Amino acid sequence: MTRLMTRIASGVTPEAALAATWLALQDRLARARAEERGMTTETVLITAGLAALAVTVVGIIAARVRDRANAIP
Protein backbone atom coordinates (compact mmCIF):
# COMPACT_ATOMS: atom_id res chain seq x y z
CA MET A 1 0.00 0.00 0.00
CA THR A 2 1.41 3.42 -0.94
CA ARG A 3 1.94 6.18 1.59
CA LEU A 4 -0.93 8.17 0.06
CA MET A 5 -3.27 5.21 0.35
CA THR A 6 -2.12 4.65 3.94
CA ARG A 7 -2.93 8.27 4.82
CA ILE A 8 -6.35 8.03 3.21
CA ALA A 9 -7.04 4.77 5.02
CA SER A 10 -5.93 6.30 8.33
CA GLY A 11 -8.65 8.95 8.32
CA VAL A 12 -7.23 11.74 6.14
CA THR A 13 -9.69 12.85 3.51
CA PRO A 14 -8.76 12.26 -0.11
CA GLU A 15 -8.96 16.01 -0.76
CA ALA A 16 -6.45 16.75 2.01
CA ALA A 17 -4.13 14.02 0.75
CA LEU A 18 -4.38 15.38 -2.80
CA ALA A 19 -3.68 18.93 -1.59
CA ALA A 20 -0.66 17.76 0.40
CA THR A 21 0.66 15.82 -2.58
CA TRP A 22 0.14 18.82 -4.87
CA LEU A 23 2.01 21.13 -2.50
CA ALA A 24 4.86 18.63 -2.15
CA LEU A 25 5.18 18.37 -5.93
CA GLN A 26 5.14 22.17 -6.32
CA ASP A 27 7.87 22.47 -3.69
CA ARG A 28 9.98 19.80 -5.37
CA LEU A 29 9.58 21.50 -8.76
CA ALA A 30 10.54 24.89 -7.30
CA ARG A 31 13.67 23.41 -5.72
CA ALA A 32 14.60 21.68 -8.99
CA ARG A 33 14.25 24.93 -10.91
CA ALA A 34 16.34 26.81 -8.37
CA GLU A 35 19.32 24.49 -8.83
CA GLU A 36 21.65 25.94 -11.46
CA ARG A 37 24.28 23.28 -11.82
CA GLY A 38 24.58 23.65 -15.58
CA MET A 39 24.82 20.96 -18.21
CA THR A 40 26.86 17.85 -17.75
CA THR A 41 29.62 16.90 -20.15
CA GLU A 42 27.54 13.97 -21.33
CA THR A 43 24.62 16.24 -22.24
CA VAL A 44 26.91 18.61 -24.13
CA LEU A 45 28.49 15.75 -26.09
CA ILE A 46 25.13 14.23 -26.99
CA THR A 47 23.84 17.62 -28.12
CA ALA A 48 26.95 18.24 -30.23
CA GLY A 49 26.64 14.78 -31.79
CA LEU A 50 23.00 15.32 -32.69
CA ALA A 51 23.82 18.73 -34.19
CA ALA A 52 26.59 17.19 -36.31
CA LEU A 53 24.22 14.45 -37.45
CA ALA A 54 21.61 17.04 -38.43
CA VAL A 55 24.15 19.01 -40.48
CA THR A 56 25.22 15.80 -42.23
CA VAL A 57 21.64 14.84 -43.07
CA VAL A 58 20.89 18.31 -44.43
CA GLY A 59 24.03 18.12 -46.59
CA ILE A 60 23.04 14.75 -48.01
CA ILE A 61 19.49 15.88 -48.78
CA ALA A 62 20.73 19.12 -50.39
CA ALA A 63 23.18 17.19 -52.60
CA ARG A 64 20.47 14.78 -53.77
CA VAL A 65 18.05 17.61 -54.51
CA ARG A 66 20.74 19.50 -56.43
CA ASP A 67 21.65 16.37 -58.42
CA ARG A 68 18.03 15.72 -59.35
CA ALA A 69 17.50 19.37 -60.25
CA ASN A 70 20.54 19.27 -62.54
CA ALA A 71 19.17 16.12 -64.20
CA ILE A 72 16.02 17.92 -65.36
CA PRO A 73 16.33 18.58 -69.14
C-alpha atoms as a PDB file:
ATOM      1  CA  MET A   1       0.000   0.000   0.000  1.00  0.00           C
ATOM      2  CA  THR A   2       1.410   3.418  -0.940  1.00  0.00           C
ATOM      3  CA  ARG A   3       1.935   6.180   1.587  1.00  0.00           C
ATOM      4  CA  LEU A   4      -0.934   8.168   0.057  1.00  0.00           C
ATOM      5  CA  MET A   5      -3.269   5.205   0.350  1.00  0.00           C
ATOM      6  CA  THR A   6      -2.124   4.652   3.938  1.00  0.00           C
ATOM      7  CA  ARG A   7      -2.932   8.270   4.816  1.00  0.00           C
ATOM      8  CA  ILE A   8      -6.350   8.026   3.210  1.00  0.00           C
ATOM      9  CA  ALA A   9      -7.037   4.769   5.019  1.00  0.00           C
ATOM     10  CA  SER A  10      -5.931   6.300   8.330  1.00  0.00           C
ATOM     11  CA  GLY A  11      -8.645   8.947   8.318  1.00  0.00           C
ATOM     12  CA  VAL A  12      -7.230  11.736   6.140  1.00  0.00           C
ATOM     13  CA  THR A  13      -9.693  12.853   3.510  1.00  0.00           C
ATOM     14  CA  PRO A  14      -8.759  12.259  -0.108  1.00  0.00           C
ATOM     15  CA  GLU A  15      -8.956  16.011  -0.763  1.00  0.00           C
ATOM     16  CA  ALA A  16      -6.453  16.751   2.009  1.00  0.00           C
ATOM     17  CA  ALA A  17      -4.132  14.019   0.749  1.00  0.00           C
ATOM     18  CA  LEU A  18      -4.378  15.383  -2.800  1.00  0.00           C
ATOM     19  CA  ALA A  19      -3.679  18.926  -1.593  1.00  0.00           C
ATOM     20  CA  ALA A  20      -0.655  17.764   0.405  1.00  0.00           C
ATOM     21  CA  THR A  21       0.659  15.817  -2.579  1.00  0.00           C
ATOM     22  CA  TRP A  22       0.142  18.819  -4.872  1.00  0.00           C
ATOM     23  CA  LEU A  23       2.006  21.127  -2.497  1.00  0.00           C
ATOM     24  CA  ALA A  24       4.858  18.634  -2.145  1.00  0.00           C
ATOM     25  CA  LEU A  25       5.184  18.371  -5.930  1.00  0.00           C
ATOM     26  CA  GLN A  26       5.137  22.168  -6.323  1.00  0.00           C
ATOM     27  CA  ASP A  27       7.868  22.475  -3.691  1.00  0.00           C
ATOM     28  CA  ARG A  28       9.979  19.802  -5.367  1.00  0.00           C
ATOM     29  CA  LEU A  29       9.584  21.502  -8.757  1.00  0.00           C
ATOM     30  CA  ALA A  30      10.542  24.890  -7.299  1.00  0.00           C
ATOM     31  CA  ARG A  31      13.674  23.406  -5.718  1.00  0.00           C
ATOM     32  CA  ALA A  32      14.598  21.675  -8.986  1.00  0.00           C
ATOM     33  CA  ARG A  33      14.248  24.934 -10.911  1.00  0.00           C
ATOM     34  CA  ALA A  34      16.342  26.805  -8.366  1.00  0.00           C
ATOM     35  CA  GLU A  35      19.318  24.485  -8.832  1.00  0.00           C
ATOM     36  CA  GLU A  36      21.647  25.945 -11.458  1.00  0.00           C
ATOM     37  CA  ARG A  37      24.280  23.277 -11.822  1.00  0.00           C
ATOM     38  CA  GLY A  38      24.579  23.654 -15.576  1.00  0.00           C
ATOM     39  CA  MET A  39      24.825  20.963 -18.208  1.00  0.00           C
ATOM     40  CA  THR A  40      26.863  17.854 -17.749  1.00  0.00           C
ATOM     41  CA  THR A  41      29.615  16.901 -20.148  1.00  0.00           C
ATOM     42  CA  GLU A  42      27.545  13.972 -21.331  1.00  0.00           C
ATOM     43  CA  THR A  43      24.624  16.240 -22.245  1.00  0.00           C
ATOM     44  CA  VAL A  44      26.910  18.612 -24.128  1.00  0.00           C
ATOM     45  CA  LEU A  45      28.494  15.747 -26.086  1.00  0.00           C
ATOM     46  CA  ILE A  46      25.135  14.230 -26.991  1.00  0.00           C
ATOM     47  CA  THR A  47      23.835  17.622 -28.122  1.00  0.00           C
ATOM     48  CA  ALA A  48      26.949  18.238 -30.233  1.00  0.00           C
ATOM     49  CA  GLY A  49      26.644  14.783 -31.794  1.00  0.00           C
ATOM     50  CA  LEU A  50      23.000  15.325 -32.694  1.00  0.00           C
ATOM     51  CA  ALA A  51      23.825  18.731 -34.192  1.00  0.00           C
ATOM     52  CA  ALA A  52      26.586  17.193 -36.313  1.00  0.00           C
ATOM     53  CA  LEU A  53      24.218  14.449 -37.447  1.00  0.00           C
ATOM     54  CA  ALA A  54      21.605  17.039 -38.431  1.00  0.00           C
ATOM     55  CA  VAL A  55      24.146  19.007 -40.477  1.00  0.00           C
ATOM     56  CA  THR A  56      25.221  15.799 -42.235  1.00  0.00           C
ATOM     57  CA  VAL A  57      21.636  14.838 -43.073  1.00  0.00           C
ATOM     58  CA  VAL A  58      20.888  18.314 -44.431  1.00  0.00           C
ATOM     59  CA  GLY A  59      24.025  18.119 -46.586  1.00  0.00           C
ATOM     60  CA  ILE A  60      23.036  14.747 -48.008  1.00  0.00           C
ATOM     61  CA  ILE A  61      19.494  15.883 -48.778  1.00  0.00           C
ATOM     62  CA  ALA A  62      20.731  19.122 -50.389  1.00  0.00           C
ATOM     63  CA  ALA A  63      23.184  17.186 -52.596  1.00  0.00           C
ATOM     64  CA  ARG A  64      20.468  14.785 -53.766  1.00  0.00           C
ATOM     65  CA  VAL A  65      18.049  17.615 -54.506  1.00  0.00           C
ATOM     66  CA  ARG A  66      20.743  19.502 -56.435  1.00  0.00           C
ATOM     67  CA  ASP A  67      21.648  16.369 -58.419  1.00  0.00           C
ATOM     68  CA  ARG A  68      18.028  15.718 -59.350  1.00  0.00           C
ATOM     69  CA  ALA A  69      17.497  19.366 -60.250  1.00  0.00           C
ATOM     70  CA  ASN A  70      20.541  19.266 -62.537  1.00  0.00           C
ATOM     71  CA  ALA A  71      19.169  16.122 -64.203  1.00  0.00           C
ATOM     72  CA  ILE A  72      16.020  17.920 -65.360  1.00  0.00           C
ATOM     73  CA  PRO A  73      16.331  18.583 -69.138  1.00  0.00           C
END
